[in-house]
Amino acid sequence: MDATARVAAIGETRLVRGYGLAGVTVVTAEDERAAQAAWRELDPRVGIVIVTPSAARAVAAAGGPGGRLLAVLPDPDGAA
C-alpha cells in the first residue's frame, strides 16, 4: 500500500457518518447487499476501509478484502 492510499468507511449511516469529518470517504449501506455493492464500487485507490460488523460480513461473502486493509468497528450492541 502506498503512502497516498485513500480511506473509506462502509456501513450503517449512524455508525459511519462521523468519519466524513476526518476526510474519509463515507459510503452508507444499511444492509449487507448494499455493503457488497459499495465494496465493488470502491475507488481502486482506496487502500484502507473502515467497516461496520454487517459490512465486514458482506466483504467476507464477496471474497475478502484483497489487498486492502480492513478495520472492523466494534459491534455497537456489544454482541460477539
N, C-alpha and C. Protein backbone atom coordinates (compact mmCIF):
# COMPACT_ATOMS: atom_id res chain seq x y z
N MET A 1 0.85 -1.16 0.00
CA MET A 1 0.00 0.00 0.00
C MET A 1 0.90 1.23 0.00
N ASP A 2 0.59 2.18 -0.87
CA ASP A 2 1.44 3.37 -0.92
C ASP A 2 0.98 4.43 0.08
N ALA A 3 1.81 5.40 0.29
CA ALA A 3 1.54 6.41 1.32
C ALA A 3 0.37 7.32 0.97
N THR A 4 -0.10 7.29 -0.26
CA THR A 4 -1.22 8.14 -0.66
C THR A 4 -2.53 7.37 -0.73
N ALA A 5 -2.57 6.17 -0.17
CA ALA A 5 -3.80 5.38 -0.20
C ALA A 5 -4.93 6.16 0.46
N ARG A 6 -6.08 6.04 -0.12
CA ARG A 6 -7.25 6.72 0.42
C ARG A 6 -7.96 5.83 1.43
N VAL A 7 -8.79 6.47 2.25
CA VAL A 7 -9.53 5.76 3.29
C VAL A 7 -11.02 5.91 3.02
N ALA A 8 -11.76 4.82 3.20
CA ALA A 8 -13.21 4.83 3.04
C ALA A 8 -13.84 4.14 4.24
N ALA A 9 -15.10 4.43 4.48
CA ALA A 9 -15.88 3.76 5.52
C ALA A 9 -17.18 3.28 4.88
N ILE A 10 -17.56 2.04 5.18
CA ILE A 10 -18.79 1.46 4.64
C ILE A 10 -19.60 0.92 5.81
N GLY A 11 -20.88 1.25 5.82
CA GLY A 11 -21.76 0.69 6.85
C GLY A 11 -22.98 1.54 7.09
N GLU A 12 -23.68 1.20 8.16
CA GLU A 12 -24.90 1.89 8.50
C GLU A 12 -24.61 3.36 8.80
N THR A 13 -25.48 4.21 8.34
CA THR A 13 -25.30 5.65 8.44
C THR A 13 -24.94 6.09 9.85
N ARG A 14 -25.67 5.62 10.84
CA ARG A 14 -25.45 6.07 12.22
C ARG A 14 -24.08 5.71 12.75
N LEU A 15 -23.42 4.73 12.13
CA LEU A 15 -22.12 4.28 12.61
C LEU A 15 -20.94 4.84 11.84
N VAL A 16 -21.16 5.29 10.61
CA VAL A 16 -20.02 5.74 9.80
C VAL A 16 -20.05 7.22 9.42
N ARG A 17 -21.15 7.89 9.60
CA ARG A 17 -21.26 9.27 9.11
C ARG A 17 -20.20 10.21 9.67
N GLY A 18 -19.80 10.04 10.91
CA GLY A 18 -18.82 10.93 11.53
C GLY A 18 -17.43 10.86 10.91
N TYR A 19 -17.11 9.76 10.25
CA TYR A 19 -15.78 9.62 9.65
C TYR A 19 -15.56 10.62 8.52
N GLY A 20 -16.63 11.11 7.93
CA GLY A 20 -16.51 12.12 6.89
C GLY A 20 -15.85 13.39 7.39
N LEU A 21 -16.02 13.69 8.68
CA LEU A 21 -15.40 14.88 9.26
C LEU A 21 -13.88 14.81 9.23
N ALA A 22 -13.34 13.59 9.15
CA ALA A 22 -11.89 13.40 9.11
C ALA A 22 -11.37 13.21 7.69
N GLY A 23 -12.24 13.45 6.70
CA GLY A 23 -11.81 13.33 5.32
C GLY A 23 -11.95 11.95 4.73
N VAL A 24 -12.57 11.05 5.47
CA VAL A 24 -12.79 9.68 4.98
C VAL A 24 -13.97 9.70 4.01
N THR A 25 -13.86 8.95 2.93
CA THR A 25 -14.98 8.78 2.01
C THR A 25 -15.99 7.86 2.67
N VAL A 26 -17.19 8.35 2.92
CA VAL A 26 -18.21 7.57 3.61
C VAL A 26 -19.23 7.06 2.59
N VAL A 27 -19.45 5.74 2.63
CA VAL A 27 -20.45 5.11 1.77
C VAL A 27 -21.43 4.40 2.70
N THR A 28 -22.65 4.92 2.76
CA THR A 28 -23.62 4.30 3.66
C THR A 28 -24.23 3.06 3.01
N ALA A 29 -24.44 2.06 3.84
CA ALA A 29 -25.01 0.79 3.38
C ALA A 29 -25.81 0.24 4.55
N GLU A 30 -27.10 0.25 4.43
CA GLU A 30 -27.96 -0.15 5.55
C GLU A 30 -28.15 -1.66 5.65
N ASP A 31 -27.70 -2.41 4.66
CA ASP A 31 -27.78 -3.87 4.75
C ASP A 31 -26.59 -4.48 4.02
N GLU A 32 -26.46 -5.79 4.12
CA GLU A 32 -25.29 -6.46 3.54
C GLU A 32 -25.26 -6.38 2.02
N ARG A 33 -26.40 -6.41 1.40
CA ARG A 33 -26.44 -6.29 -0.07
C ARG A 33 -25.89 -4.94 -0.53
N ALA A 34 -26.29 -3.88 0.15
CA ALA A 34 -25.79 -2.54 -0.18
C ALA A 34 -24.30 -2.44 0.11
N ALA A 35 -23.85 -3.10 1.19
CA ALA A 35 -22.42 -3.08 1.53
C ALA A 35 -21.60 -3.79 0.46
N GLN A 36 -22.10 -4.89 -0.06
CA GLN A 36 -21.40 -5.58 -1.14
C GLN A 36 -21.30 -4.70 -2.38
N ALA A 37 -22.37 -4.02 -2.71
CA ALA A 37 -22.35 -3.12 -3.86
C ALA A 37 -21.36 -1.99 -3.63
N ALA A 38 -21.34 -1.43 -2.43
CA ALA A 38 -20.40 -0.35 -2.10
C ALA A 38 -18.97 -0.85 -2.21
N TRP A 39 -18.72 -2.06 -1.74
CA TRP A 39 -17.38 -2.65 -1.80
C TRP A 39 -16.91 -2.78 -3.25
N ARG A 40 -17.78 -3.29 -4.09
CA ARG A 40 -17.42 -3.49 -5.50
C ARG A 40 -17.14 -2.17 -6.21
N GLU A 41 -17.79 -1.10 -5.77
CA GLU A 41 -17.67 0.19 -6.44
C GLU A 41 -16.61 1.11 -5.84
N LEU A 42 -15.85 0.63 -4.85
CA LEU A 42 -14.82 1.49 -4.25
C LEU A 42 -13.77 1.89 -5.28
N ASP A 43 -13.33 3.11 -5.16
CA ASP A 43 -12.23 3.60 -5.98
C ASP A 43 -11.02 2.69 -5.77
N PRO A 44 -10.34 2.27 -6.81
CA PRO A 44 -9.18 1.38 -6.65
C PRO A 44 -8.05 2.00 -5.84
N ARG A 45 -8.06 3.32 -5.67
CA ARG A 45 -7.02 3.97 -4.86
C ARG A 45 -7.29 3.87 -3.36
N VAL A 46 -8.47 3.36 -2.98
CA VAL A 46 -8.78 3.17 -1.56
C VAL A 46 -7.99 1.96 -1.05
N GLY A 47 -7.16 2.21 -0.05
CA GLY A 47 -6.33 1.13 0.49
C GLY A 47 -6.72 0.70 1.89
N ILE A 48 -7.50 1.55 2.58
CA ILE A 48 -7.93 1.27 3.95
C ILE A 48 -9.44 1.46 4.00
N VAL A 49 -10.14 0.45 4.53
CA VAL A 49 -11.59 0.54 4.61
C VAL A 49 -12.04 0.24 6.03
N ILE A 50 -12.77 1.18 6.61
CA ILE A 50 -13.38 1.01 7.92
C ILE A 50 -14.78 0.48 7.67
N VAL A 51 -15.12 -0.63 8.31
CA VAL A 51 -16.43 -1.24 8.07
C VAL A 51 -17.14 -1.55 9.39
N THR A 52 -18.45 -1.54 9.32
CA THR A 52 -19.26 -1.99 10.45
C THR A 52 -19.27 -3.52 10.44
N PRO A 53 -19.71 -4.16 11.51
CA PRO A 53 -19.74 -5.62 11.52
C PRO A 53 -20.56 -6.22 10.37
N SER A 54 -21.71 -5.63 10.05
CA SER A 54 -22.51 -6.19 8.95
C SER A 54 -21.81 -5.99 7.60
N ALA A 55 -21.14 -4.86 7.43
CA ALA A 55 -20.38 -4.65 6.20
C ALA A 55 -19.20 -5.61 6.12
N ALA A 56 -18.59 -5.93 7.25
CA ALA A 56 -17.48 -6.89 7.26
C ALA A 56 -17.96 -8.26 6.79
N ARG A 57 -19.15 -8.66 7.21
CA ARG A 57 -19.70 -9.94 6.74
C ARG A 57 -19.93 -9.90 5.23
N ALA A 58 -20.39 -8.77 4.73
CA ALA A 58 -20.61 -8.62 3.29
C ALA A 58 -19.30 -8.70 2.52
N VAL A 59 -18.26 -8.07 3.04
CA VAL A 59 -16.94 -8.12 2.39
C VAL A 59 -16.43 -9.56 2.37
N ALA A 60 -16.60 -10.27 3.48
CA ALA A 60 -16.16 -11.68 3.53
C ALA A 60 -16.91 -12.51 2.50
N ALA A 61 -18.21 -12.28 2.38
CA ALA A 61 -19.01 -13.02 1.41
C ALA A 61 -18.62 -12.69 -0.03
N ALA A 62 -18.06 -11.49 -0.23
CA ALA A 62 -17.64 -11.06 -1.56
C ALA A 62 -16.22 -11.52 -1.89
N GLY A 63 -15.60 -12.25 -0.98
CA GLY A 63 -14.27 -12.78 -1.27
C GLY A 63 -13.15 -12.22 -0.41
N GLY A 64 -13.47 -11.36 0.52
CA GLY A 64 -12.45 -10.83 1.42
C GLY A 64 -11.87 -9.52 0.95
N PRO A 65 -10.99 -8.95 1.76
CA PRO A 65 -10.51 -7.60 1.48
C PRO A 65 -9.49 -7.49 0.34
N GLY A 66 -8.99 -8.59 -0.17
CA GLY A 66 -7.99 -8.49 -1.22
C GLY A 66 -6.76 -7.79 -0.69
N GLY A 67 -6.27 -6.78 -1.35
CA GLY A 67 -5.07 -6.08 -0.93
C GLY A 67 -5.32 -4.90 -0.02
N ARG A 68 -6.57 -4.71 0.38
CA ARG A 68 -6.91 -3.57 1.24
C ARG A 68 -6.82 -3.94 2.72
N LEU A 69 -6.49 -2.94 3.53
CA LEU A 69 -6.51 -3.11 4.98
C LEU A 69 -7.94 -2.86 5.43
N LEU A 70 -8.48 -3.81 6.18
CA LEU A 70 -9.86 -3.73 6.64
C LEU A 70 -9.86 -3.53 8.15
N ALA A 71 -10.53 -2.48 8.62
CA ALA A 71 -10.67 -2.21 10.05
C ALA A 71 -12.14 -2.35 10.40
N VAL A 72 -12.46 -3.34 11.24
CA VAL A 72 -13.84 -3.62 11.60
C VAL A 72 -14.18 -2.91 12.91
N LEU A 73 -15.21 -2.09 12.87
CA LEU A 73 -15.67 -1.40 14.07
C LEU A 73 -16.25 -2.40 15.06
N PRO A 74 -16.21 -2.11 16.34
CA PRO A 74 -16.83 -3.00 17.32
C PRO A 74 -18.34 -3.02 17.12
N ASP A 75 -18.95 -4.11 17.49
CA ASP A 75 -20.41 -4.24 17.39
C ASP A 75 -21.05 -3.21 18.34
N PRO A 76 -21.92 -2.35 17.83
CA PRO A 76 -22.49 -1.30 18.68
C PRO A 76 -23.41 -1.85 19.76
N ASP A 77 -23.89 -3.08 19.58
CA ASP A 77 -24.79 -3.69 20.55
C ASP A 77 -24.06 -4.59 21.53
N GLY A 78 -22.73 -4.69 21.36
CA GLY A 78 -21.92 -5.50 22.26
C GLY A 78 -21.98 -6.99 22.00
N ALA A 79 -22.61 -7.40 20.92
CA ALA A 79 -22.67 -8.84 20.60
C ALA A 79 -21.33 -9.29 20.06
N ALA A 80 -21.02 -10.53 20.27
CA ALA A 80 -19.73 -11.07 19.79
C ALA A 80 -19.78 -11.42 18.34
